Amino acid sequence: MADKILKKIKDEDIPYVELRFTDPRGKLHHVTFDAAMVDEDFFEDGAMFDGSSINGWKAINDSDMVLMPDVSSAKMDPFYQDQTLTLLCDILEPGTMAPLWPRPALDRQKGRKLSANLWRRRYCLFWPRSRVFHL
């Protein structure tokens, strides 16, 4: 699948690749790379970044994280002036490559799609929706 993305970048002369991810609170963040920086290793090893500037993750002394692109999520962003390929990412620990935090907002969307599909099949799932209020 990564080969298809690399071929698309080269064939369509796409100048930028944007990695998108959500923080633990569900806020969407992104970082944009020049397409020349994207190769096979980019999809196998991910991209390192400093997570200390994002609220709710890590302290500054232990802030290295890996953005691992999900190749099945590759889409062209129609709102940028220059052609930009976007990829959703998982956040991994660099030492163990274990997921640090799932994509909470995106997983909620998947849950909604699942419940919509189940509704069409005459099934329905109900689960509690937790809310936290800070005073």
C-alpha atoms as a PDB file:
ATOM      1  CA  MET A   1       0.000   0.000   0.000  1.00  0.00           C
ATOM      2  CA  ALA A   2       2.873   2.392   0.748  1.00  0.00           C
ATOM      3  CA  ASP A   3       4.154   1.731  -2.775  1.00  0.00           C
ATOM      4  CA  LYS A   4       0.876   3.005  -4.212  1.00  0.00           C
ATOM      5  CA  ILE A   5       1.087   6.177  -2.138  1.00  0.00           C
ATOM      6  CA  LEU A   6       4.690   6.821  -3.173  1.00  0.00           C
ATOM      7  CA  LYS A   7       3.759   6.224  -6.812  1.00  0.00           C
ATOM      8  CA  LYS A   8       0.826   8.641  -6.511  1.00  0.00           C
ATOM      9  CA  ILE A   9       3.078  11.316  -4.979  1.00  0.00           C
ATOM     10  CA  LYS A  10       5.546  10.932  -7.837  1.00  0.00           C
ATOM     11  CA  ASP A  11       3.030  10.592 -10.699  1.00  0.00           C
ATOM     12  CA  GLU A  12       0.800  13.470  -9.639  1.00  0.00           C
ATOM     13  CA  ASP A  13       3.734  15.636  -8.517  1.00  0.00           C
ATOM     14  CA  ILE A  14       2.265  16.175  -5.027  1.00  0.00           C
ATOM     15  CA  PRO A  15       4.539  18.620  -3.133  1.00  0.00           C
ATOM     16  CA  TYR A  16       3.312  18.063   0.474  1.00  0.00           C
ATOM     17  CA  VAL A  17       2.294  15.228   2.788  1.00  0.00           C
ATOM     18  CA  GLU A  18       0.373  16.100   5.945  1.00  0.00           C
ATOM     19  CA  LEU A  19       0.197  13.834   8.993  1.00  0.00           C
ATOM     20  CA  ARG A  20      -2.880  14.289  11.189  1.00  0.00           C
ATOM     21  CA  PHE A  21      -3.415  12.965  14.696  1.00  0.00           C
ATOM     22  CA  THR A  22      -5.589  13.638  17.725  1.00  0.00           C
ATOM     23  CA  ASP A  23      -4.489  14.338  21.278  1.00  0.00           C
ATOM     24  CA  PRO A  24      -6.068  12.597  24.302  1.00  0.00           C
ATOM     25  CA  ARG A  25      -8.753  15.286  24.419  1.00  0.00           C
ATOM     26  CA  GLY A  26      -9.765  14.707  20.793  1.00  0.00           C
ATOM     27  CA  LYS A  27      -8.262  17.890  19.304  1.00  0.00           C
ATOM     28  CA  LEU A  28      -6.907  17.404  15.797  1.00  0.00           C
ATOM     29  CA  HIS A  29      -3.242  18.317  15.214  1.00  0.00           C
ATOM     30  CA  HIS A  30      -1.187  18.137  12.039  1.00  0.00           C
ATOM     31  CA  VAL A  31       2.327  18.443  10.705  1.00  0.00           C
ATOM     32  CA  THR A  32       3.236  18.893   7.031  1.00  0.00           C
ATOM     33  CA  PHE A  33       6.282  17.366   5.342  1.00  0.00           C
ATOM     34  CA  ASP A  34       7.839  18.093   1.983  1.00  0.00           C
ATOM     35  CA  ALA A  35       7.128  15.132  -0.292  1.00  0.00           C
ATOM     36  CA  ALA A  36      10.876  14.651  -0.837  1.00  0.00           C
ATOM     37  CA  MET A  37      11.124  13.514   2.809  1.00  0.00           C
ATOM     38  CA  VAL A  38       8.588  10.710   2.288  1.00  0.00           C
ATOM     39  CA  ASP A  39      10.031   7.314   1.359  1.00  0.00           C
ATOM     40  CA  GLU A  40       9.613   3.625   2.295  1.00  0.00           C
ATOM     41  CA  ASP A  41      11.292   4.177   5.671  1.00  0.00           C
ATOM     42  CA  PHE A  42       8.811   6.963   6.439  1.00  0.00           C
ATOM     43  CA  PHE A  43       5.974   4.407   6.363  1.00  0.00           C
ATOM     44  CA  GLU A  44       7.915   1.659   8.165  1.00  0.00           C
ATOM     45  CA  ASP A  45       9.583   3.700  10.930  1.00  0.00           C
ATOM     46  CA  GLY A  46       7.215   6.670  11.210  1.00  0.00           C
ATOM     47  CA  ALA A  47       8.209  10.260  11.954  1.00  0.00           C
ATOM     48  CA  MET A  48       9.643  11.356  15.302  1.00  0.00           C
ATOM     49  CA  PHE A  49       8.224  14.426  17.045  1.00  0.00           C
ATOM     50  CA  ASP A  50       8.318  16.156  20.407  1.00  0.00           C
ATOM     51  CA  GLY A  51       5.083  15.571  22.301  1.00  0.00           C
ATOM     52  CA  SER A  52       5.782  17.853  25.273  1.00  0.00           C
ATOM     53  CA  SER A  53       4.108  20.831  23.608  1.00  0.00           C
ATOM     54  CA  ILE A  54       0.785  18.984  23.352  1.00  0.00           C
ATOM     55  CA  ASN A  55      -1.334  19.181  26.510  1.00  0.00           C
ATOM     56  CA  GLY A  56      -2.059  15.939  28.287  1.00  0.00           C
ATOM     57  CA  TRP A  57       0.742  13.809  26.918  1.00  0.00           C
ATOM     58  CA  LYS A  58       4.244  13.806  28.321  1.00  0.00           C
ATOM     59  CA  ALA A  59       6.724  15.797  30.331  1.00  0.00           C
ATOM     60  CA  ILE A  60       9.580  17.502  28.540  1.00  0.00           C
ATOM     61  CA  ASN A  61      12.173  14.984  29.768  1.00  0.00           C
ATOM     62  CA  ASP A  62      10.310  12.029  28.199  1.00  0.00           C
ATOM     63  CA  SER A  63       8.596  13.594  25.222  1.00  0.00           C
ATOM     64  CA  ASP A  64       9.840  11.735  22.144  1.00  0.00           C
ATOM     65  CA  MET A  65       7.025  10.128  20.192  1.00  0.00           C
ATOM     66  CA  VAL A  66       6.525   8.464  16.816  1.00  0.00           C
ATOM     67  CA  LEU A  67       3.821   9.368  14.298  1.00  0.00           C
ATOM     68  CA  MET A  68       2.984   6.164  12.414  1.00  0.00           C
ATOM     69  CA  PRO A  69       1.006   6.880   9.222  1.00  0.00           C
ATOM     70  CA  ASP A  70      -2.049   4.771   8.491  1.00  0.00           C
ATOM     71  CA  VAL A  71      -1.666   4.102   4.760  1.00  0.00           C
ATOM     72  CA  SER A  72      -5.327   3.144   4.365  1.00  0.00           C
ATOM     73  CA  SER A  73      -6.356   6.705   5.297  1.00  0.00           C
ATOM     74  CA  ALA A  74      -4.538   8.487   2.438  1.00  0.00           C
ATOM     75  CA  LYS A  75      -6.693  11.237   0.923  1.00  0.00           C
ATOM     76  CA  MET A  76      -6.083  14.411  -1.040  1.00  0.00           C
ATOM     77  CA  ASP A  77      -7.024  17.542   0.902  1.00  0.00           C
ATOM     78  CA  PRO A  78      -9.206  19.728  -1.347  1.00  0.00           C
ATOM     79  CA  PHE A  79      -8.872  22.864   0.802  1.00  0.00           C
ATOM     80  CA  TYR A  80      -5.155  23.596   0.405  1.00  0.00           C
ATOM     81  CA  GLN A  81      -3.873  25.773  -2.401  1.00  0.00           C
ATOM     82  CA  ASP A  82      -1.075  23.303  -3.197  1.00  0.00           C
ATOM     83  CA  GLN A  83      -1.827  19.620  -3.615  1.00  0.00           C
ATOM     84  CA  THR A  84      -1.478  17.941  -0.227  1.00  0.00           C
ATOM     85  CA  LEU A  85      -1.850  14.259   0.605  1.00  0.00           C
ATOM     86  CA  THR A  86      -3.167  13.687   4.145  1.00  0.00           C
ATOM     87  CA  LEU A  87      -2.623  10.632   6.311  1.00  0.00           C
ATOM     88  CA  LEU A  88      -4.097   9.853   9.726  1.00  0.00           C
ATOM     89  CA  CYS A  89      -1.546   8.654  12.274  1.00  0.00           C
ATOM     90  CA  ASP A  90      -1.245   6.609  15.424  1.00  0.00           C
ATOM     91  CA  ILE A  91       1.078   7.777  18.202  1.00  0.00           C
ATOM     92  CA  LEU A  92       3.672   5.188  19.295  1.00  0.00           C
ATOM     93  CA  GLU A  93       6.317   4.941  22.011  1.00  0.00           C
ATOM     94  CA  PRO A  94       9.713   5.085  20.268  1.00  0.00           C
ATOM     95  CA  GLY A  95      11.353   2.312  22.331  1.00  0.00           C
ATOM     96  CA  THR A  96       8.627  -0.313  22.171  1.00  0.00           C
ATOM     97  CA  MET A  97       6.568   0.950  19.192  1.00  0.00           C
ATOM     98  CA  ALA A  98       3.493   0.302  21.337  1.00  0.00           C
ATOM     99  CA  PRO A  99       0.506   2.615  20.864  1.00  0.00           C
ATOM    100  CA  LEU A 100       0.636   5.478  23.343  1.00  0.00           C
ATOM    101  CA  TRP A 101      -2.896   6.664  22.857  1.00  0.00           C
ATOM    102  CA  PRO A 102      -5.579   5.562  20.445  1.00  0.00           C
ATOM    103  CA  ARG A 103      -7.180   8.073  18.132  1.00  0.00           C
ATOM    104  CA  PRO A 104     -10.125   8.866  20.430  1.00  0.00           C
ATOM    105  CA  ALA A 105     -12.057  11.229  18.184  1.00  0.00           C
ATOM    106  CA  LEU A 106     -11.555   9.050  15.128  1.00  0.00           C
ATOM    107  CA  ASP A 107     -12.526   5.912  17.025  1.00  0.00           C
ATOM    108  CA  ARG A 108     -15.759   7.619  18.095  1.00  0.00           C
ATOM    109  CA  GLN A 109     -16.477   8.293  14.420  1.00  0.00           C
ATOM    110  CA  LYS A 110     -15.866   4.628  13.620  1.00  0.00           C
ATOM    111  CA  GLY A 111     -18.262   3.697  16.430  1.00  0.00           C
ATOM    112  CA  ARG A 112     -20.922   5.966  14.975  1.00  0.00           C
ATOM    113  CA  LYS A 113     -20.482   4.412  11.535  1.00  0.00           C
ATOM    114  CA  LEU A 114     -20.683   0.941  13.068  1.00  0.00           C
ATOM    115  CA  SER A 115     -23.896   1.808  14.890  1.00  0.00           C
ATOM    116  CA  ALA A 116     -25.327   3.304  11.681  1.00  0.00           C
ATOM    117  CA  ASN A 117     -24.535   0.087   9.805  1.00  0.00           C
ATOM    118  CA  LEU A 118     -26.066  -1.997  12.569  1.00  0.00           C
ATOM    119  CA  TRP A 119     -29.190   0.148  12.480  1.00  0.00           C
ATOM    120  CA  ARG A 120     -29.618  -0.666   8.814  1.00  0.00           C
ATOM    121  CA  ARG A 121     -29.452  -4.325   9.763  1.00  0.00           C
ATOM    122  CA  ARG A 122     -32.182  -3.772  12.379  1.00  0.00           C
ATOM    123  CA  TYR A 123     -29.802  -3.924  15.306  1.00  0.00           C
ATOM    124  CA  CYS A 124     -28.919  -1.158  17.668  1.00  0.00           C
ATOM    125  CA  LEU A 125     -26.192  -0.801  20.285  1.00  0.00           C
ATOM    126  CA  PHE A 126     -26.489   1.510  23.270  1.00  0.00           C
ATOM    127  CA  TRP A 127     -23.645   2.552  25.500  1.00  0.00           C
ATOM    128  CA  PRO A 128     -23.241   5.275  28.104  1.00  0.00           C
ATOM    129  CA  ARG A 129     -21.718   8.540  27.024  1.00  0.00           C
ATOM    130  CA  SER A 130     -19.384   9.873  29.668  1.00  0.00           C
ATOM    131  CA  ARG A 131     -19.024  13.574  30.219  1.00  0.00           C
ATOM    132  CA  VAL A 132     -16.648  15.463  32.459  1.00  0.00           C
ATOM    133  CA  PHE A 133     -17.445  18.930  33.693  1.00  0.00           C
ATOM    134  CA  HIS A 134     -14.692  21.102  35.159  1.00  0.00           C
ATOM    135  CA  LEU A 135     -15.763  23.817  37.522  1.00  0.00           C
END
